[in-house]
């Protein structure tokens, strides 16, 4: 259960100043991010150590309006993910992520859509919604369909950005174990509705940026009898 919660919180925490919330990168440009996430479940200590909590992403635009992405531990199973997004219009993009069965024995496919718009010269709104569909693993367990949605406000002040975000995650269908359905609240540490508010800060200098955010995850049927708290640190470089 702790492993499942850790992977879920990595997915939520590492999305701040999120690539998936805003338009794709400029043609011919690329960006890479590495992150560290630490979390604690409930009031007690003893959250997982840093081992295994690193996150790595890279993206590149090989042609106008197209972006390809590579993500370590990029889906809810903790698999390696390759994805692509296409900018349909200035405010809307559509994408598809493929989760390869590495290290897990089941894969995933996630169609997604992104909408963003400037609210003022300094304030930008971004959002994303995705539906994840999984294959059956070697133990005859097939995770149900998941819905992941998020929104973020970025306030830019010079070379500084303050971010405010909220993710909502839930299972849409029940998982099956050897053909038997599993209630959402009892499945994989809890697949009921989960709310993840967070706030962050990013500092930029030339092609480098360093950011951090802190947030909480709520939802009893999502495995949080009380709540979970996480902190995330990211370093990014553009090339």
C-alpha atoms as a PDB file:
ATOM      1  CA  UNK A   1       0.000   0.000   0.000  1.00  0.00           C
ATOM      2  CA  UNK A   2       2.808   2.433   0.834  1.00  0.00           C
ATOM      3  CA  UNK A   3       4.380   1.797  -2.575  1.00  0.00           C
ATOM      4  CA  UNK A   4       1.080   2.536  -4.345  1.00  0.00           C
ATOM      5  CA  UNK A   5       0.566   5.751  -2.360  1.00  0.00           C
ATOM      6  CA  UNK A   6       4.141   6.859  -3.001  1.00  0.00           C
ATOM      7  CA  UNK A   7       3.784   6.445  -6.771  1.00  0.00           C
ATOM      8  CA  UNK A   8       0.432   8.256  -6.750  1.00  0.00           C
ATOM      9  CA  UNK A   9       1.858  11.182  -4.790  1.00  0.00           C
ATOM     10  CA  UNK A  10       4.907  11.373  -7.060  1.00  0.00           C
ATOM     11  CA  UNK A  11       2.560  11.720 -10.051  1.00  0.00           C
ATOM     12  CA  UNK A  12       0.609  14.485  -8.303  1.00  0.00           C
ATOM     13  CA  UNK A  13       3.509  16.364  -6.732  1.00  0.00           C
ATOM     14  CA  UNK A  14       5.782  16.441  -9.764  1.00  0.00           C
ATOM     15  CA  UNK A  15       3.159  18.112 -11.934  1.00  0.00           C
ATOM     16  CA  UNK A  16       3.589  21.566 -10.401  1.00  0.00           C
ATOM     17  CA  UNK A  17       4.409  24.264 -12.925  1.00  0.00           C
ATOM     18  CA  UNK A  18       3.225  21.357 -14.996  1.00  0.00           C
ATOM     19  CA  UNK A  19       4.192  20.682 -18.585  1.00  0.00           C
ATOM     20  CA  UNK A  20       0.861  18.966 -19.074  1.00  0.00           C
ATOM     21  CA  UNK A  21      -1.150  22.008 -17.967  1.00  0.00           C
ATOM     22  CA  UNK A  22       0.194  24.480 -20.528  1.00  0.00           C
ATOM     23  CA  UNK A  23       0.940  24.712 -24.285  1.00  0.00           C
ATOM     24  CA  UNK A  24       3.710  22.602 -25.758  1.00  0.00           C
ATOM     25  CA  UNK A  25       7.309  23.732 -25.924  1.00  0.00           C
ATOM     26  CA  UNK A  26       8.641  25.815 -28.837  1.00  0.00           C
ATOM     27  CA  UNK A  27       9.698  23.961 -32.005  1.00  0.00           C
ATOM     28  CA  UNK A  28      13.293  22.753 -31.852  1.00  0.00           C
ATOM     29  CA  UNK A  29      13.528  23.266 -28.086  1.00  0.00           C
ATOM     30  CA  UNK A  30      13.764  20.765 -25.260  1.00  0.00           C
ATOM     31  CA  UNK A  31      13.612  20.604 -21.477  1.00  0.00           C
ATOM     32  CA  UNK A  32      14.580  18.107 -18.794  1.00  0.00           C
ATOM     33  CA  UNK A  33      13.491  17.915 -15.146  1.00  0.00           C
ATOM     34  CA  UNK A  34      14.676  15.881 -12.211  1.00  0.00           C
ATOM     35  CA  UNK A  35      12.741  15.822  -8.945  1.00  0.00           C
ATOM     36  CA  UNK A  36      12.839  14.557  -5.384  1.00  0.00           C
ATOM     37  CA  UNK A  37       9.638  13.850  -3.466  1.00  0.00           C
ATOM     38  CA  UNK A  38       9.171  13.057   0.221  1.00  0.00           C
ATOM     39  CA  UNK A  39       5.830  12.300   1.831  1.00  0.00           C
ATOM     40  CA  UNK A  40       4.196  11.414   5.119  1.00  0.00           C
ATOM     41  CA  UNK A  41       0.900   9.588   5.588  1.00  0.00           C
ATOM     42  CA  UNK A  42      -1.294  10.896   8.448  1.00  0.00           C
ATOM     43  CA  UNK A  43       0.020  12.311  11.720  1.00  0.00           C
ATOM     44  CA  UNK A  44       2.732   9.739  12.244  1.00  0.00           C
ATOM     45  CA  UNK A  45       6.325   9.946  11.069  1.00  0.00           C
ATOM     46  CA  UNK A  46       8.202   7.297   9.196  1.00  0.00           C
ATOM     47  CA  UNK A  47       7.444   8.415   5.662  1.00  0.00           C
ATOM     48  CA  UNK A  48       9.482   6.750   2.963  1.00  0.00           C
ATOM     49  CA  UNK A  49      13.068   7.819   2.558  1.00  0.00           C
ATOM     50  CA  UNK A  50      14.364   9.343  -0.648  1.00  0.00           C
ATOM     51  CA  UNK A  51      15.270   5.969  -2.150  1.00  0.00           C
ATOM     52  CA  UNK A  52      13.140   5.386  -5.233  1.00  0.00           C
ATOM     53  CA  UNK A  53      11.384   8.745  -5.030  1.00  0.00           C
ATOM     54  CA  UNK A  54      13.377  10.516  -7.731  1.00  0.00           C
ATOM     55  CA  UNK A  55      11.453  11.546 -10.836  1.00  0.00           C
ATOM     56  CA  UNK A  56      12.927  12.291 -14.266  1.00  0.00           C
ATOM     57  CA  UNK A  57      11.199  13.769 -17.323  1.00  0.00           C
ATOM     58  CA  UNK A  58      12.406  15.018 -20.670  1.00  0.00           C
ATOM     59  CA  UNK A  59      10.503  16.611 -23.558  1.00  0.00           C
ATOM     60  CA  UNK A  60      11.365  17.903 -27.015  1.00  0.00           C
ATOM     61  CA  UNK A  61       9.521  19.486 -29.950  1.00  0.00           C
ATOM     62  CA  UNK A  62      10.675  17.839 -33.218  1.00  0.00           C
ATOM     63  CA  UNK A  63       8.234  19.848 -35.351  1.00  0.00           C
ATOM     64  CA  UNK A  64       5.760  22.710 -35.101  1.00  0.00           C
ATOM     65  CA  UNK A  65       2.904  22.069 -32.647  1.00  0.00           C
ATOM     66  CA  UNK A  66       4.235  18.625 -31.634  1.00  0.00           C
ATOM     67  CA  UNK A  67       5.948  17.603 -28.409  1.00  0.00           C
ATOM     68  CA  UNK A  68       7.268  14.210 -27.347  1.00  0.00           C
ATOM     69  CA  UNK A  69       7.898  13.270 -23.714  1.00  0.00           C
ATOM     70  CA  UNK A  70       9.696  10.592 -21.720  1.00  0.00           C
ATOM     71  CA  UNK A  71       8.843  10.046 -18.047  1.00  0.00           C
ATOM     72  CA  UNK A  72      10.387   7.790 -15.423  1.00  0.00           C
ATOM     73  CA  UNK A  73       7.681   6.288 -13.184  1.00  0.00           C
ATOM     74  CA  UNK A  74       5.183   8.249 -15.226  1.00  0.00           C
ATOM     75  CA  UNK A  75       1.926   6.333 -14.650  1.00  0.00           C
ATOM     76  CA  UNK A  76      -0.045   5.160 -11.620  1.00  0.00           C
ATOM     77  CA  UNK A  77       1.646   1.772 -11.796  1.00  0.00           C
ATOM     78  CA  UNK A  78       5.098   3.330 -11.608  1.00  0.00           C
ATOM     79  CA  UNK A  79       6.041   2.410 -15.180  1.00  0.00           C
ATOM     80  CA  UNK A  80       8.206   4.140 -17.754  1.00  0.00           C
ATOM     81  CA  UNK A  81       6.081   6.327 -20.060  1.00  0.00           C
ATOM     82  CA  UNK A  82       6.483   7.743 -23.558  1.00  0.00           C
ATOM     83  CA  UNK A  83       4.004  10.384 -24.689  1.00  0.00           C
ATOM     84  CA  UNK A  84       3.193  12.930 -27.339  1.00  0.00           C
ATOM     85  CA  UNK A  85       1.021  16.055 -27.448  1.00  0.00           C
ATOM     86  CA  UNK A  86      -0.230  18.095 -30.380  1.00  0.00           C
ATOM     87  CA  UNK A  87      -1.260  21.747 -30.121  1.00  0.00           C
ATOM     88  CA  UNK A  88      -4.677  21.718 -31.782  1.00  0.00           C
ATOM     89  CA  UNK A  89      -5.177  25.456 -31.243  1.00  0.00           C
ATOM     90  CA  UNK A  90      -3.413  28.105 -29.104  1.00  0.00           C
ATOM     91  CA  UNK A  91      -5.340  27.210 -25.937  1.00  0.00           C
ATOM     92  CA  UNK A  92      -5.927  23.468 -26.455  1.00  0.00           C
ATOM     93  CA  UNK A  93      -3.685  20.454 -26.971  1.00  0.00           C
ATOM     94  CA  UNK A  94      -4.384  16.722 -27.087  1.00  0.00           C
ATOM     95  CA  UNK A  95      -2.031  13.910 -26.235  1.00  0.00           C
ATOM     96  CA  UNK A  96      -1.474  10.219 -25.670  1.00  0.00           C
ATOM     97  CA  UNK A  97       0.818   8.579 -23.080  1.00  0.00           C
ATOM     98  CA  UNK A  98       1.923   4.949 -23.283  1.00  0.00           C
ATOM     99  CA  UNK A  99       3.042   3.250 -20.065  1.00  0.00           C
ATOM    100  CA  UNK A 100       5.359   0.357 -20.845  1.00  0.00           C
ATOM    101  CA  UNK A 101       5.322  -2.649 -18.466  1.00  0.00           C
ATOM    102  CA  UNK A 102       8.658  -1.712 -16.889  1.00  0.00           C
ATOM    103  CA  UNK A 103       9.091  -2.540 -14.026  1.00  0.00           C
ATOM    104  CA  UNK A 104       5.476  -3.726 -13.596  1.00  0.00           C
ATOM    105  CA  UNK A 105       3.979  -6.487 -15.753  1.00  0.00           C
ATOM    106  CA  UNK A 106       0.997  -4.379 -16.876  1.00  0.00           C
ATOM    107  CA  UNK A 107       1.044  -1.373 -19.151  1.00  0.00           C
ATOM    108  CA  UNK A 108      -1.190   1.658 -19.586  1.00  0.00           C
ATOM    109  CA  UNK A 109      -2.578   4.013 -22.211  1.00  0.00           C
ATOM    110  CA  UNK A 110      -3.700   7.540 -21.289  1.00  0.00           C
ATOM    111  CA  UNK A 111      -5.437   9.863 -23.745  1.00  0.00           C
ATOM    112  CA  UNK A 112      -5.423  13.405 -22.381  1.00  0.00           C
ATOM    113  CA  UNK A 113      -6.380  16.967 -23.201  1.00  0.00           C
ATOM    114  CA  UNK A 114      -5.053  20.322 -21.979  1.00  0.00           C
ATOM    115  CA  UNK A 115      -6.631  23.766 -21.862  1.00  0.00           C
ATOM    116  CA  UNK A 116      -4.903  26.985 -20.815  1.00  0.00           C
ATOM    117  CA  UNK A 117      -5.446  30.723 -21.069  1.00  0.00           C
ATOM    118  CA  UNK A 118      -3.814  33.938 -19.818  1.00  0.00           C
ATOM    119  CA  UNK A 119      -5.948  35.762 -17.242  1.00  0.00           C
ATOM    120  CA  UNK A 120      -3.681  38.811 -16.984  1.00  0.00           C
ATOM    121  CA  UNK A 121      -0.145  39.646 -18.124  1.00  0.00           C
ATOM    122  CA  UNK A 122       1.192  37.955 -14.993  1.00  0.00           C
ATOM    123  CA  UNK A 123      -1.433  35.274 -14.243  1.00  0.00           C
ATOM    124  CA  UNK A 124      -1.947  32.152 -16.368  1.00  0.00           C
ATOM    125  CA  UNK A 125      -4.460  29.334 -15.951  1.00  0.00           C
ATOM    126  CA  UNK A 126      -3.677  25.794 -17.088  1.00  0.00           C
ATOM    127  CA  UNK A 127      -5.544  22.503 -16.817  1.00  0.00           C
ATOM    128  CA  UNK A 128      -5.386  18.887 -17.922  1.00  0.00           C
ATOM    129  CA  UNK A 129      -7.631  15.831 -17.903  1.00  0.00           C
ATOM    130  CA  UNK A 130      -6.650  12.254 -18.684  1.00  0.00           C
ATOM    131  CA  UNK A 131      -8.205   8.792 -18.609  1.00  0.00           C
ATOM    132  CA  UNK A 132      -5.876   5.847 -17.960  1.00  0.00           C
ATOM    133  CA  UNK A 133      -6.649   2.332 -19.188  1.00  0.00           C
ATOM    134  CA  UNK A 134      -4.510  -0.602 -18.034  1.00  0.00           C
ATOM    135  CA  UNK A 135      -3.706  -4.083 -19.273  1.00  0.00           C
ATOM    136  CA  UNK A 136      -3.841  -7.220 -17.136  1.00  0.00           C
ATOM    137  CA  UNK A 137      -0.670  -8.083 -15.218  1.00  0.00           C
ATOM    138  CA  UNK A 138       1.040 -11.453 -14.793  1.00  0.00           C
ATOM    139  CA  UNK A 139      -1.011 -12.196 -11.661  1.00  0.00           C
ATOM    140  CA  UNK A 140      -4.365 -11.797 -13.485  1.00  0.00           C
ATOM    141  CA  UNK A 141      -5.015  -8.413 -11.872  1.00  0.00           C
ATOM    142  CA  UNK A 142      -6.446  -5.736 -14.168  1.00  0.00           C
ATOM    143  CA  UNK A 143      -6.637  -2.248 -12.731  1.00  0.00           C
ATOM    144  CA  UNK A 144      -9.815  -0.316 -13.507  1.00  0.00           C
ATOM    145  CA  UNK A 145      -9.961   2.878 -15.541  1.00  0.00           C
ATOM    146  CA  UNK A 146      -8.649   5.978 -13.721  1.00  0.00           C
ATOM    147  CA  UNK A 147      -9.568   9.625 -14.160  1.00  0.00           C
ATOM    148  CA  UNK A 148      -6.903  12.259 -13.422  1.00  0.00           C
ATOM    149  CA  UNK A 149      -7.707  15.973 -13.655  1.00  0.00           C
ATOM    150  CA  UNK A 150      -5.752  19.014 -12.533  1.00  0.00           C
ATOM    151  CA  UNK A 151      -5.659  22.794 -12.703  1.00  0.00           C
ATOM    152  CA  UNK A 152      -2.979  25.335 -11.901  1.00  0.00           C
ATOM    153  CA  UNK A 153      -2.591  29.106 -11.611  1.00  0.00           C
ATOM    154  CA  UNK A 154       0.887  30.525 -12.257  1.00  0.00           C
ATOM    155  CA  UNK A 155       1.664  34.033 -11.022  1.00  0.00           C
ATOM    156  CA  UNK A 156       4.836  35.422 -12.613  1.00  0.00           C
ATOM    157  CA  UNK A 157       6.821  38.154 -10.855  1.00  0.00           C
ATOM    158  CA  UNK A 158      10.001  38.872 -12.762  1.00  0.00           C
ATOM    159  CA  UNK A 159      12.003  35.645 -12.762  1.00  0.00           C
ATOM    160  CA  UNK A 160       9.868  34.139 -10.008  1.00  0.00           C
ATOM    161  CA  UNK A 161       6.693  32.077 -10.339  1.00  0.00           C
ATOM    162  CA  UNK A 162       4.218  31.223  -7.577  1.00  0.00           C
ATOM    163  CA  UNK A 163       1.990  28.261  -8.386  1.00  0.00           C
ATOM    164  CA  UNK A 164      -1.389  27.220  -6.965  1.00  0.00           C
ATOM    165  CA  UNK A 165      -2.717  23.823  -7.998  1.00  0.00           C
ATOM    166  CA  UNK A 166      -5.417  21.243  -7.376  1.00  0.00           C
ATOM    167  CA  UNK A 167      -5.529  17.666  -8.661  1.00  0.00           C
ATOM    168  CA  UNK A 168      -8.572  15.393  -8.493  1.00  0.00           C
ATOM    169  CA  UNK A 169      -8.072  11.671  -9.043  1.00  0.00           C
ATOM    170  CA  UNK A 170     -10.536   8.785  -8.912  1.00  0.00           C
ATOM    171  CA  UNK A 171     -11.226   5.341 -10.268  1.00  0.00           C
ATOM    172  CA  UNK A 172     -14.012   5.205 -12.849  1.00  0.00           C
ATOM    173  CA  UNK A 173     -14.404   1.434 -13.019  1.00  0.00           C
ATOM    174  CA  UNK A 174     -13.607  -1.412 -10.643  1.00  0.00           C
ATOM    175  CA  UNK A 175     -10.462  -3.481 -10.960  1.00  0.00           C
ATOM    176  CA  UNK A 176     -10.632  -7.227 -11.452  1.00  0.00           C
ATOM    177  CA  UNK A 177      -8.557  -9.923  -9.758  1.00  0.00           C
ATOM    178  CA  UNK A 178      -8.962 -13.283 -11.497  1.00  0.00           C
ATOM    179  CA  UNK A 179     -12.234 -11.952 -12.885  1.00  0.00           C
ATOM    180  CA  UNK A 180     -13.589 -10.836  -9.492  1.00  0.00           C
ATOM    181  CA  UNK A 181     -14.417  -7.141  -9.076  1.00  0.00           C
ATOM    182  CA  UNK A 182     -12.784  -5.166  -6.255  1.00  0.00           C
ATOM    183  CA  UNK A 183     -14.541  -2.205  -4.534  1.00  0.00           C
ATOM    184  CA  UNK A 184     -12.758   1.079  -5.289  1.00  0.00           C
ATOM    185  CA  UNK A 185     -12.033   1.816  -1.624  1.00  0.00           C
ATOM    186  CA  UNK A 186     -10.343  -1.587  -1.152  1.00  0.00           C
ATOM    187  CA  UNK A 187      -8.325  -1.580  -4.356  1.00  0.00           C
ATOM    188  CA  UNK A 188      -4.583  -0.821  -4.634  1.00  0.00           C
ATOM    189  CA  UNK A 189      -4.469   1.267  -1.470  1.00  0.00           C
ATOM    190  CA  UNK A 190      -7.705   3.043  -2.370  1.00  0.00           C
ATOM    191  CA  UNK A 191      -8.985   4.269  -5.744  1.00  0.00           C
ATOM    192  CA  UNK A 192     -11.819   6.450  -4.483  1.00  0.00           C
ATOM    193  CA  UNK A 193     -11.907  10.180  -5.078  1.00  0.00           C
ATOM    194  CA  UNK A 194      -8.768  12.046  -4.005  1.00  0.00           C
ATOM    195  CA  UNK A 195      -8.179  15.811  -3.696  1.00  0.00           C
ATOM    196  CA  UNK A 196      -4.601  17.134  -3.855  1.00  0.00           C
ATOM    197  CA  UNK A 197      -4.204  20.905  -3.234  1.00  0.00           C
ATOM    198  CA  UNK A 198      -0.675  22.316  -3.487  1.00  0.00           C
ATOM    199  CA  UNK A 199       1.304  25.542  -3.599  1.00  0.00           C
ATOM    200  CA  UNK A 200       4.760  26.083  -5.041  1.00  0.00           C
ATOM    201  CA  UNK A 201       7.534  28.468  -6.008  1.00  0.00           C
ATOM    202  CA  UNK A 202       9.865  28.451  -9.026  1.00  0.00           C
ATOM    203  CA  UNK A 203      12.982  30.615  -9.528  1.00  0.00           C
ATOM    204  CA  UNK A 204      14.400  31.039 -13.043  1.00  0.00           C
ATOM    205  CA  UNK A 205      17.846  32.073 -14.304  1.00  0.00           C
ATOM    206  CA  UNK A 206      18.629  31.915 -18.038  1.00  0.00           C
ATOM    207  CA  UNK A 207      17.818  28.344 -19.126  1.00  0.00           C
ATOM    208  CA  UNK A 208      17.717  26.944 -15.568  1.00  0.00           C
ATOM    209  CA  UNK A 209      14.934  26.780 -13.002  1.00  0.00           C
ATOM    210  CA  UNK A 210      14.634  25.483  -9.465  1.00  0.00           C
ATOM    211  CA  UNK A 211      11.296  24.962  -7.786  1.00  0.00           C
ATOM    212  CA  UNK A 212       9.573  23.442  -4.812  1.00  0.00           C
ATOM    213  CA  UNK A 213       6.026  22.817  -3.727  1.00  0.00           C
ATOM    214  CA  UNK A 214       4.145  21.424  -0.774  1.00  0.00           C
ATOM    215  CA  UNK A 215       0.705  19.880  -0.713  1.00  0.00           C
ATOM    216  CA  UNK A 216      -1.731  17.517   0.930  1.00  0.00           C
ATOM    217  CA  UNK A 217      -3.843  14.617  -0.317  1.00  0.00           C
ATOM    218  CA  UNK A 218      -7.315  13.920   1.067  1.00  0.00           C
ATOM    219  CA  UNK A 219      -9.812  11.129   0.511  1.00  0.00           C
ATOM    220  CA  UNK A 220     -10.635   8.246   2.825  1.00  0.00           C
ATOM    221  CA  UNK A 221     -11.577   5.980  -0.080  1.00  0.00           C
ATOM    222  CA  UNK A 222      -8.286   6.919  -1.758  1.00  0.00           C
ATOM    223  CA  UNK A 223      -6.289   5.379   1.083  1.00  0.00           C
ATOM    224  CA  UNK A 224      -5.965   8.496   3.242  1.00  0.00           C
ATOM    225  CA  UNK A 225      -7.649   7.648   6.542  1.00  0.00           C
ATOM    226  CA  UNK A 226      -6.430  11.036   7.709  1.00  0.00           C
ATOM    227  CA  UNK A 227      -4.389  12.814   5.023  1.00  0.00           C
ATOM    228  CA  UNK A 228      -1.028  12.666   3.328  1.00  0.00           C
ATOM    229  CA  UNK A 229       1.521  15.492   3.170  1.00  0.00           C
ATOM    230  CA  UNK A 230       4.247  15.809   0.550  1.00  0.00           C
ATOM    231  CA  UNK A 231       7.073  18.131  -0.436  1.00  0.00           C
ATOM    232  CA  UNK A 232       8.658  18.187  -3.864  1.00  0.00           C
ATOM    233  CA  UNK A 233      11.856  19.783  -5.211  1.00  0.00           C
ATOM    234  CA  UNK A 234      12.524  20.050  -8.957  1.00  0.00           C
ATOM    235  CA  UNK A 235      15.436  21.220 -11.078  1.00  0.00           C
ATOM    236  CA  UNK A 236      14.923  21.910 -14.810  1.00  0.00           C
ATOM    237  CA  UNK A 237      17.174  22.851 -17.698  1.00  0.00           C
ATOM    238  CA  UNK A 238      16.125  24.005 -21.169  1.00  0.00           C
ATOM    239  CA  UNK A 239      18.174  23.151 -24.242  1.00  0.00           C
END
